Protein backbone atom coordinates (compact mmCIF):
# COMPACT_ATOMS: atom_id res chain seq x y z
CA MET A 1 77.09 -134.15 -118.78
CA SER A 2 77.17 -136.93 -121.10
CA ILE A 3 80.21 -138.09 -123.55
CA ALA A 4 78.30 -137.68 -126.30
CA VAL A 5 77.67 -134.23 -125.94
CA ASP A 6 81.19 -133.47 -124.81
CA ALA A 7 82.49 -134.95 -128.15
CA ASP A 8 79.90 -132.99 -130.03
CA ALA A 9 81.20 -130.35 -128.67
CA VAL A 10 84.89 -130.86 -129.55
CA ARG A 11 83.84 -131.84 -133.14
CA THR A 12 82.06 -128.62 -133.48
CA GLY A 13 84.90 -126.55 -132.18
CA ARG A 14 83.08 -125.55 -128.95
CA ALA A 15 85.33 -126.90 -126.79
CA LYS A 16 89.20 -128.54 -127.39
CA ALA A 17 90.04 -132.36 -126.97
CA MET A 18 93.39 -130.41 -125.06
CA ASP A 19 91.33 -128.81 -122.27
CA LEU A 20 89.34 -131.84 -121.89
CA ALA A 21 92.51 -133.93 -121.28
CA ARG A 22 94.63 -131.62 -119.40
CA GLU A 23 91.03 -131.69 -117.04
CA ALA A 24 90.68 -135.30 -116.72
CA ILE A 25 94.90 -135.46 -115.37
CA GLY A 26 94.17 -132.91 -113.45
CA ARG A 27 91.30 -134.82 -111.69
CA ILE A 28 93.47 -137.70 -111.72
CA ARG A 29 96.60 -136.06 -110.15
CA ALA A 30 94.05 -134.85 -107.42
CA ASP A 31 92.65 -137.71 -106.13
CA PRO A 32 95.25 -140.66 -105.68
CA GLY A 33 93.70 -141.55 -102.72
CA LEU A 34 91.61 -143.13 -104.51
CA LEU A 35 93.33 -145.72 -105.85
CA ALA A 36 91.88 -146.42 -108.86
CA VAL A 37 94.31 -145.29 -111.32
CA THR A 38 98.01 -147.03 -111.80
CA ARG A 39 99.42 -145.33 -114.41
CA CYS A 40 98.47 -141.69 -115.61
CA LEU A 41 99.37 -141.54 -119.49
CA GLU A 42 99.84 -137.99 -120.03
CA ALA A 43 102.07 -137.68 -122.80
CA ARG A 44 100.19 -139.88 -124.46
CA ALA A 45 96.66 -138.43 -123.92
CA LEU A 46 98.06 -134.74 -124.88
CA ALA A 47 99.14 -136.09 -127.98
CA GLU A 48 96.21 -137.98 -129.09
CA ALA A 49 94.04 -134.76 -127.45
CA ALA A 50 96.46 -132.64 -129.97
CA GLU A 51 95.94 -134.97 -133.04
CA VAL A 52 92.07 -134.41 -132.26
CA ASP A 53 92.25 -130.80 -132.14
CA ALA A 54 94.25 -130.58 -135.40
CA GLN A 55 91.51 -133.04 -137.20
CA VAL A 56 88.66 -130.60 -136.29
CA ALA A 57 90.80 -128.04 -137.44
CA ARG A 58 91.11 -129.31 -140.71
CA GLY A 59 87.23 -130.26 -141.06
CA VAL A 60 87.89 -133.59 -140.64
CA ASP A 61 85.63 -135.43 -138.03
CA PRO A 62 87.63 -137.26 -135.52
CA GLY A 63 84.59 -139.59 -134.62
CA PRO A 64 81.58 -140.26 -132.51
CA LEU A 65 84.22 -140.02 -129.34
CA ALA A 66 86.03 -137.05 -130.59
CA GLY A 67 88.18 -135.73 -127.12
CA VAL A 68 86.53 -137.82 -124.87
CA PRO A 69 88.86 -138.86 -122.23
CA TYR A 70 88.85 -142.80 -120.91
CA ALA A 71 91.01 -145.24 -119.21
CA VAL A 72 91.47 -149.05 -119.46
CA LYS A 73 91.87 -151.84 -116.69
CA ASP A 74 95.60 -152.79 -116.77
CA LEU A 75 95.18 -155.96 -118.59
CA PHE A 76 94.98 -154.34 -122.09
CA ASP A 77 97.87 -154.11 -123.94
CA VAL A 78 99.04 -150.18 -124.40
CA ALA A 79 101.87 -149.35 -126.78
CA GLY A 80 105.36 -149.33 -124.89
CA LEU A 81 103.88 -150.26 -121.66
CA PRO A 82 104.10 -153.44 -119.91
CA THR A 83 100.66 -155.15 -119.61
CA THR A 84 100.49 -156.06 -115.84
CA ALA A 85 97.58 -157.23 -114.99
CA GLY A 86 97.51 -156.28 -111.89
CA ALA A 87 100.70 -158.43 -111.34
CA ALA A 88 103.99 -156.83 -109.32
CA ARG A 89 105.63 -159.73 -111.22
CA LEU A 90 104.71 -157.97 -114.56
CA GLU A 91 105.47 -154.63 -113.74
CA HIS A 92 108.77 -154.81 -115.48
CA ALA A 93 107.31 -156.72 -118.15
CA GLU A 94 108.49 -156.32 -122.06
CA PRO A 95 106.50 -153.59 -123.10
CA ALA A 96 103.55 -154.05 -125.45
CA ALA A 97 104.36 -153.64 -129.16
CA CYS A 98 100.91 -152.20 -130.21
CA ASP A 99 97.62 -151.55 -128.53
CA ALA A 100 94.93 -153.89 -127.68
CA GLU A 101 91.98 -153.66 -130.56
CA ALA A 102 89.88 -152.36 -128.43
CA ILE A 103 92.13 -149.00 -127.91
CA VAL A 104 92.50 -149.19 -131.68
CA ARG A 105 89.09 -148.59 -132.33
CA LEU A 106 88.30 -146.35 -129.43
CA ARG A 107 91.33 -144.00 -130.81
CA ALA A 108 89.94 -144.23 -134.47
CA ALA A 109 86.78 -142.69 -132.76
CA GLY A 110 88.60 -140.07 -131.26
CA ALA A 111 88.72 -141.34 -127.52
CA VAL A 112 91.73 -139.84 -125.49
CA LEU A 113 93.41 -142.59 -123.68
CA VAL A 114 94.58 -141.01 -120.48
CA ALA A 115 95.08 -143.86 -117.52
CA THR A 116 95.61 -147.63 -116.83
CA CYS A 117 93.28 -148.78 -113.93
CA ASN A 118 93.95 -150.98 -110.76
CA MET A 119 92.58 -154.65 -110.37
CA ASP A 120 92.60 -158.16 -108.68
CA GLU A 121 95.90 -159.60 -109.14
CA PHE A 122 95.28 -161.53 -112.52
CA ALA A 123 91.39 -160.36 -112.52
CA TYR A 124 91.23 -163.23 -109.84
CA GLY A 125 88.71 -161.78 -107.31
CA PHE A 126 86.16 -159.55 -106.57
CA VAL A 127 86.99 -156.49 -104.58
CA THR A 128 90.09 -154.87 -105.97
CA ASP A 129 92.29 -155.61 -103.49
CA ASN A 130 95.81 -155.69 -105.21
CA ALA A 131 99.21 -156.39 -103.15
CA ARG A 132 101.10 -153.94 -105.09
CA TRP A 133 98.76 -151.24 -105.99
CA GLY A 134 96.75 -151.09 -102.67
CA ILE A 135 92.45 -151.57 -102.29
CA THR A 136 90.90 -149.06 -104.89
CA ARG A 137 88.33 -147.20 -102.72
CA ASN A 138 84.43 -146.68 -103.39
CA PRO A 139 83.95 -143.33 -104.74
CA HIS A 140 80.36 -143.00 -102.63
CA ASP A 141 81.99 -144.33 -99.34
CA ARG A 142 85.93 -144.83 -99.33
CA ALA A 143 85.33 -146.99 -96.10
CA ARG A 144 83.69 -149.68 -98.59
CA PHE A 145 84.92 -151.95 -101.38
CA ALA A 146 84.88 -150.43 -104.92
CA GLY A 147 84.33 -153.91 -106.35
CA GLY A 148 86.13 -156.17 -108.92
CA SER A 149 87.91 -157.26 -110.54
CA SER A 150 87.83 -154.45 -112.55
CA GLY A 151 87.02 -151.71 -109.35
CA GLY A 152 89.35 -149.21 -110.61
CA SER A 153 87.62 -148.73 -114.13
CA ALA A 154 84.37 -148.25 -112.01
CA ALA A 155 85.47 -146.33 -109.47
CA ALA A 156 87.52 -143.66 -112.00
CA VAL A 157 84.20 -143.54 -113.90
CA ALA A 158 81.99 -142.93 -110.63
CA ALA A 159 84.58 -140.50 -109.15
CA GLY A 160 83.99 -138.45 -112.74
CA LEU A 161 87.95 -138.88 -113.33
CA VAL A 162 87.48 -139.74 -116.81
CA GLY A 163 84.29 -139.88 -119.29
CA PHE A 164 84.01 -143.83 -119.37
CA ALA A 165 86.65 -146.90 -119.05
CA LEU A 166 86.96 -150.45 -120.16
CA GLY A 167 87.10 -153.19 -118.09
CA SER A 168 86.72 -157.00 -118.32
CA ASP A 169 84.27 -159.79 -117.06
CA THR A 170 84.83 -163.58 -116.44
CA ASN A 171 82.46 -164.15 -113.26
CA GLY A 172 81.12 -160.90 -112.41
CA SER A 173 84.40 -158.23 -112.83
CA ILE A 174 82.29 -155.54 -114.66
CA ARG A 175 78.97 -156.24 -113.12
CA ILE A 176 79.80 -156.21 -109.68
CA PRO A 177 82.28 -152.80 -109.73
CA ALA A 178 79.48 -151.08 -111.52
CA GLY A 179 76.80 -151.98 -109.29
CA LEU A 180 78.73 -151.34 -106.50
CA CYS A 181 79.89 -147.78 -107.90
CA GLY A 182 76.54 -146.61 -109.04
CA VAL A 183 77.12 -146.54 -112.81
CA TYR A 184 76.34 -148.91 -115.57
CA GLY A 185 78.65 -151.65 -116.98
CA ILE A 186 78.00 -154.01 -119.66
CA LYS A 187 79.26 -157.62 -120.42
CA PRO A 188 78.44 -158.62 -124.05
CA THR A 189 77.50 -161.63 -125.59
CA HIS A 190 80.45 -163.67 -125.17
CA GLY A 191 83.19 -163.44 -128.25
CA SER A 192 81.22 -160.30 -129.25
CA LEU A 193 83.78 -157.51 -128.81
CA PRO A 194 87.35 -157.76 -129.58
CA MET A 195 89.91 -159.57 -127.51
CA GLY A 196 92.75 -159.18 -128.87
CA GLY A 197 95.40 -157.56 -126.79
CA VAL A 198 93.82 -158.38 -123.56
CA TYR A 199 95.62 -160.32 -120.89
CA PRO A 200 93.58 -163.73 -120.74
CA PHE A 201 92.30 -165.38 -116.99
CA ALA A 202 89.53 -168.11 -118.54
CA HIS A 203 89.62 -167.81 -122.26
CA THR A 204 85.81 -169.56 -121.81
CA LEU A 205 84.42 -166.76 -119.82
CA ASP A 206 86.59 -163.94 -120.91
CA ASP A 207 84.99 -160.79 -122.17
CA ILE A 208 85.61 -157.13 -122.21
CA GLY A 209 83.27 -154.39 -121.71
CA ALA A 210 82.69 -150.86 -120.81
CA PHE A 211 81.59 -148.55 -117.45
CA ALA A 212 79.56 -145.01 -118.32
CA ARG A 213 77.73 -143.01 -116.45
CA SER A 214 74.52 -143.30 -118.38
CA ALA A 215 72.94 -146.35 -120.51
CA GLY A 216 73.39 -143.70 -124.04
CA ASP A 217 76.71 -143.54 -123.31
CA LEU A 218 77.25 -147.00 -122.68
CA ALA A 219 75.29 -148.09 -126.31
CA LEU A 220 77.63 -145.28 -127.76
CA ILE A 221 80.80 -146.89 -126.41
CA ASP A 222 79.41 -150.43 -127.21
CA SER A 223 78.75 -149.78 -130.91
CA VAL A 224 82.16 -148.12 -131.22
CA LEU A 225 83.95 -151.46 -129.94
CA ARG A 226 81.69 -153.66 -131.74
CA GLY A 227 81.97 -151.69 -135.04
CA HIS A 228 78.07 -151.20 -135.10
CA ALA A 229 75.21 -150.67 -132.95
CA ALA A 230 73.64 -153.72 -131.62
CA ALA A 231 70.02 -154.72 -133.41
CA ALA A 232 66.96 -154.33 -130.42
CA ARG A 233 63.55 -155.25 -130.70
CA PRO A 234 60.92 -153.27 -130.19
CA LEU A 235 60.66 -152.81 -126.80
CA SER A 236 56.91 -154.00 -126.82
CA ASP A 237 58.08 -157.61 -127.83
CA LEU A 238 60.16 -157.73 -124.25
CA ASP A 239 58.16 -159.32 -121.44
CA PRO A 240 60.65 -158.55 -118.77
CA ALA A 241 60.65 -160.89 -115.52
CA ILE A 242 62.71 -161.12 -112.46
CA LEU A 243 64.70 -164.12 -111.55
CA GLY A 244 63.53 -165.47 -107.69
CA GLY A 245 64.59 -168.55 -105.98
CA TRP A 246 68.70 -168.54 -105.82
CA PHE A 247 68.46 -164.82 -106.84
CA ALA A 248 65.92 -163.75 -104.47
CA GLN A 249 67.66 -165.41 -101.32
CA ASN A 250 69.99 -163.33 -99.08
CA LEU A 251 68.86 -159.92 -100.48
CA THR A 252 69.14 -156.98 -97.82
CA ALA A 253 66.03 -155.04 -97.44
CA ASP A 254 66.92 -151.84 -99.64
CA MET A 255 67.80 -154.18 -102.33
CA ARG A 256 64.59 -156.07 -102.16
CA GLU A 257 62.52 -152.76 -101.80
CA GLY A 258 64.81 -151.84 -104.73
CA LEU A 259 63.94 -154.57 -106.94
CA ALA A 260 60.17 -153.93 -106.30
CA GLY A 261 60.66 -150.37 -107.24
CA LEU A 262 60.90 -152.00 -110.82
CA GLY A 263 56.90 -152.25 -111.07
CA PRO A 264 54.84 -155.20 -111.02
CA LEU A 265 56.80 -157.95 -112.76
CA PRO A 266 56.46 -161.44 -112.63
CA MET A 267 58.87 -163.54 -110.85
CA VAL A 268 60.64 -166.70 -112.51
CA GLU A 269 62.67 -169.45 -111.10
CA ILE A 270 65.38 -171.79 -113.24
CA GLU A 271 66.79 -175.25 -111.72
CA GLY A 272 70.16 -175.65 -110.98
CA VAL A 273 71.88 -172.18 -110.24
CA ALA A 274 73.81 -173.77 -107.16
CA GLN A 275 75.40 -176.16 -109.81
CA ALA A 276 75.93 -173.68 -112.50
CA ARG A 277 77.80 -171.07 -110.08
CA SER A 278 79.94 -174.23 -108.75
CA ALA A 279 80.47 -175.32 -112.59
CA ALA A 280 81.53 -171.75 -113.41
CA PHE A 281 84.22 -171.93 -110.54
CA LEU A 282 85.85 -174.92 -111.33
CA ILE A 283 86.18 -173.69 -114.92
CA THR A 284 87.46 -170.54 -113.92
CA ALA A 285 89.78 -172.45 -111.57
CA TYR A 286 90.80 -174.94 -114.11
CA GLU A 287 91.65 -172.54 -116.94
CA GLY A 288 93.49 -169.72 -114.59
CA GLY A 289 95.37 -172.57 -112.91
CA HIS A 290 96.55 -174.20 -116.15
CA LEU A 291 97.21 -170.69 -117.81
CA HIS A 292 99.65 -169.48 -115.37
CA ALA A 293 101.12 -173.16 -114.40
CA ALA A 294 104.42 -172.71 -115.71
CA ALA A 295 105.01 -169.27 -114.10
CA LEU A 296 103.83 -170.98 -110.66
CA ARG A 297 106.40 -173.62 -111.41
CA GLU A 298 109.39 -171.13 -112.14
CA ALA A 299 108.53 -168.42 -109.68
CA PRO A 300 105.79 -169.20 -107.11
CA LEU A 301 106.51 -166.57 -104.56
CA SER A 302 106.11 -163.80 -107.09
CA TYR A 303 102.56 -164.12 -106.33
CA ASP A 304 100.20 -162.85 -104.17
CA PRO A 305 99.45 -165.67 -101.94
CA ALA A 306 95.97 -164.95 -102.03
CA THR A 307 96.07 -165.48 -106.07
CA ARG A 308 98.57 -168.09 -106.05
CA ASP A 309 96.99 -170.42 -103.83
CA ARG A 310 93.91 -170.46 -105.81
CA LEU A 311 95.74 -171.21 -109.03
CA ILE A 312 97.81 -173.43 -107.83
CA ALA A 313 94.54 -175.25 -106.60
CA GLY A 314 92.78 -175.08 -109.91
CA GLY A 315 96.08 -176.28 -111.75
CA ALA A 316 95.47 -179.31 -110.06
CA LEU A 317 91.66 -180.06 -110.67
CA PRO A 318 91.87 -183.06 -113.47
CA ASP A 319 90.73 -182.45 -117.15
CA ALA A 320 87.38 -184.87 -116.54
CA ILE A 321 85.90 -181.99 -114.06
CA HIS A 322 86.80 -179.33 -116.48
CA ALA A 323 84.42 -181.68 -119.23
CA GLU A 324 82.08 -182.21 -116.84
CA ALA A 325 81.58 -178.45 -115.66
CA LEU A 326 81.44 -177.92 -119.53
CA ALA A 327 78.75 -180.21 -120.14
CA TYR A 328 76.51 -179.19 -117.51
CA ARG A 329 76.49 -175.14 -118.88
CA ALA A 330 74.82 -176.69 -122.17
CA VAL A 331 72.14 -178.74 -119.49
CA PHE A 332 71.81 -175.28 -117.80
CA ALA A 333 72.10 -172.73 -121.19
CA GLU A 334 68.91 -175.10 -122.31
CA ARG A 335 67.01 -173.94 -119.50
CA MET A 336 67.70 -170.49 -119.51
CA ARG A 337 66.95 -170.55 -123.13
CA ARG A 338 63.38 -171.78 -122.43
CA LEU A 339 62.77 -168.76 -119.74
CA LEU A 340 64.24 -166.05 -122.37
CA ASP A 341 62.17 -167.39 -124.80
CA ARG A 342 59.09 -166.54 -123.09
CA HIS A 343 61.00 -163.41 -121.11
CA GLY A 344 63.22 -161.38 -123.73
CA ILE A 345 64.68 -159.97 -120.37
CA LEU A 346 65.85 -161.52 -117.00
CA ILE A 347 66.17 -159.00 -114.24
CA ALA A 348 68.51 -160.14 -111.10
CA PRO A 349 70.63 -158.24 -108.63
CA VAL A 350 73.66 -157.74 -108.96
CA VAL A 351 74.93 -158.32 -105.39
CA MET A 352 73.11 -158.87 -102.12
CA GLY A 353 73.02 -155.11 -101.09
CA PRO A 354 75.66 -152.58 -100.88
CA ALA A 355 79.48 -152.47 -101.08
CA PRO A 356 80.78 -154.32 -97.98
CA GLN A 357 83.43 -152.34 -95.59
CA MET A 358 87.05 -152.76 -95.61
CA ALA A 359 86.99 -153.32 -92.26
CA ASP A 360 84.09 -156.25 -91.96
CA PRO A 361 85.03 -157.73 -95.74
CA THR A 362 81.91 -159.96 -95.61
CA VAL A 363 78.74 -160.64 -96.93
CA LEU A 364 75.75 -162.79 -95.34
CA ILE A 365 75.09 -165.74 -96.85
CA ASP A 366 72.04 -167.60 -94.93
CA GLY A 367 72.56 -165.65 -91.82
CA VAL A 368 76.73 -166.31 -91.90
CA PRO A 369 79.32 -164.02 -92.66
CA LYS A 370 81.17 -165.10 -95.54
CA PRO A 371 84.32 -163.71 -96.86
CA ALA A 372 83.53 -160.62 -99.68
CA ARG A 373 86.21 -161.77 -101.96
CA PRO A 374 84.81 -164.95 -103.40
CA ASN A 375 81.35 -164.28 -102.82
CA LEU A 376 80.09 -161.48 -104.03
CA GLY A 377 79.55 -163.34 -107.43
CA LEU A 378 77.05 -165.43 -105.88
CA PHE A 379 74.30 -163.86 -108.45
CA THR A 380 77.13 -163.16 -111.68
CA GLN A 381 78.84 -166.14 -112.01
CA PRO A 382 75.82 -168.48 -113.08
CA ILE A 383 75.02 -165.89 -115.71
CA SER A 384 78.53 -165.62 -116.84
CA PHE A 385 79.07 -168.89 -117.08
CA LEU A 386 76.46 -169.00 -120.28
CA GLY A 387 77.69 -166.01 -121.97
CA LEU A 388 74.82 -164.16 -122.07
CA PRO A 389 74.72 -160.21 -122.56
CA VAL A 390 74.15 -158.13 -119.26
CA VAL A 391 73.54 -154.43 -118.62
CA ALA A 392 74.67 -153.76 -114.72
CA ALA A 393 72.37 -150.52 -114.20
CA PRO A 394 72.55 -148.76 -110.99
CA LEU A 395 69.26 -148.67 -109.18
CA ALA A 396 67.44 -144.92 -108.65
CA VAL A 397 67.88 -145.81 -105.08
CA ARG A 398 68.74 -143.37 -102.20
CA GLY A 399 71.83 -144.37 -100.37
CA LEU A 400 74.68 -146.80 -101.19
CA PRO A 401 74.11 -147.85 -104.95
CA LEU A 402 72.54 -151.00 -105.76
CA GLY A 403 73.15 -152.59 -109.09
CA VAL A 404 70.65 -155.08 -111.17
CA GLN A 405 71.74 -157.34 -114.04
CA LEU A 406 69.22 -157.15 -117.14
CA ILE A 407 69.93 -160.36 -119.08
CA GLY A 408 69.41 -161.12 -122.34
CA ALA A 409 69.81 -164.13 -124.97
CA PRO A 410 73.16 -164.67 -126.64
CA GLY A 411 73.05 -162.06 -129.34
CA ALA A 412 70.73 -160.14 -127.68
CA ASP A 413 72.89 -156.83 -126.65
CA GLY A 414 71.02 -154.29 -128.03
CA ASP A 415 67.89 -155.36 -126.09
CA VAL A 416 69.63 -155.18 -122.76
CA LEU A 417 71.06 -151.72 -124.01
CA ALA A 418 67.73 -150.42 -125.30
CA PHE A 419 65.78 -151.71 -122.29
CA ALA A 420 68.41 -150.32 -119.83
CA ALA A 421 67.79 -146.81 -121.84
CA ASP A 422 63.75 -147.52 -121.27
CA LEU A 423 64.36 -147.92 -117.31
CA GLU A 424 66.43 -144.79 -117.11
CA ARG A 425 63.92 -142.44 -119.09
CA LYS A 426 61.43 -143.99 -116.56
CA GLY A 427 63.39 -143.08 -113.70
CA LEU A 428 64.00 -146.66 -112.33
CA VAL A 429 67.58 -146.82 -113.06
CA ARG A 430 70.40 -143.79 -113.19
CA SER A 431 74.19 -143.28 -112.39
CA HIS A 432 74.74 -142.02 -108.37
CA PRO A 433 76.88 -138.93 -108.34
CA VAL A 434 79.48 -139.12 -105.66
CA ALA A 435 78.26 -136.66 -102.47
CA PRO A 436 80.74 -133.63 -102.14
CA GLU A 437 82.15 -135.24 -98.97
CA GLN A 438 83.37 -138.12 -100.83
CA GLU A 439 85.15 -135.98 -103.65
């Protein structure tokens, strides 16, 4: 059922927010093995739900998300709790004085916060393999990764624990887990959604966004976070094309078949994608390394070694490398602008195929097994680099989920959301229900 339907039931008195909150808490408590949730916020959730029900009883409309249970990646400030950013070293840090701005807006719209979600430490990874809170399982096959770094949020939505969840995306951290878990996710135009109270990683690339089980729900959440619905052009004005070249290499047969199922769309290429990915990698490493430099000098052993070593390496990069990477972004952005001027939407895979298995954490690149943790962003990093709005949508395929990126021009968030909804209406994309044996 959609969150819009649930919210309408609460607003009209046909359902109670308290019941929805208790049911969500029960689902979370019943499935600790998914390792999607780090903290269940029962007391807060019940208090917020009671407030929503009281508003309804007084004849006050609680808002478009009335009573809908949701969760947030554990890098959003939640008043009274430490913001861990997935790091054991921050588990007992000073509690946040107030909620992140995104949470403030969701609460004002009637949504009920029930949990914080697992993530890669400091958002530096693509698989949600966390040294303190464990590896988040993929709800469709618990022997596989959920993706990352917002894997806990994606898995919680895919498994039906909550109606929606928030994550963050620097290099693909919303799009990758959305694609691997068979749900929708959005990375907005850079800087268009509120970042106040969100633990940073790489400020040039960081954004927040939502996960949901339908394109309509995703658009609803985005409008609450944005403060208004994103404007969209008529679908007839969009001339979608599929990105080829770099984005057509290393795909599994199922992914190639899934892309072909979107219809007889033109294929276009863009020059310099490999350099764009490298530049995005360098920007991330440099900004993340410099952000953590002081803490690494004081207490390097408090970091997960897998995170620590990459942050130290990034902190050692010279300023000139960062400047060169930013300069290349302007070059690559102009190439992408010309493509988006001709085609309002560009389509690319999220990753090469389905989620990798935890027992074999690799992906095939040019026929050679490569570690999944740094390489699942092969197709997302060059897009993040430009700050473009992207909806990750699950293809309507059988078997394990496969996701595609629906990419728009800067500020065209409404276009990608509307295009996702149109594909959903046509039956070409859809969220993937979890098989009973996986529940």
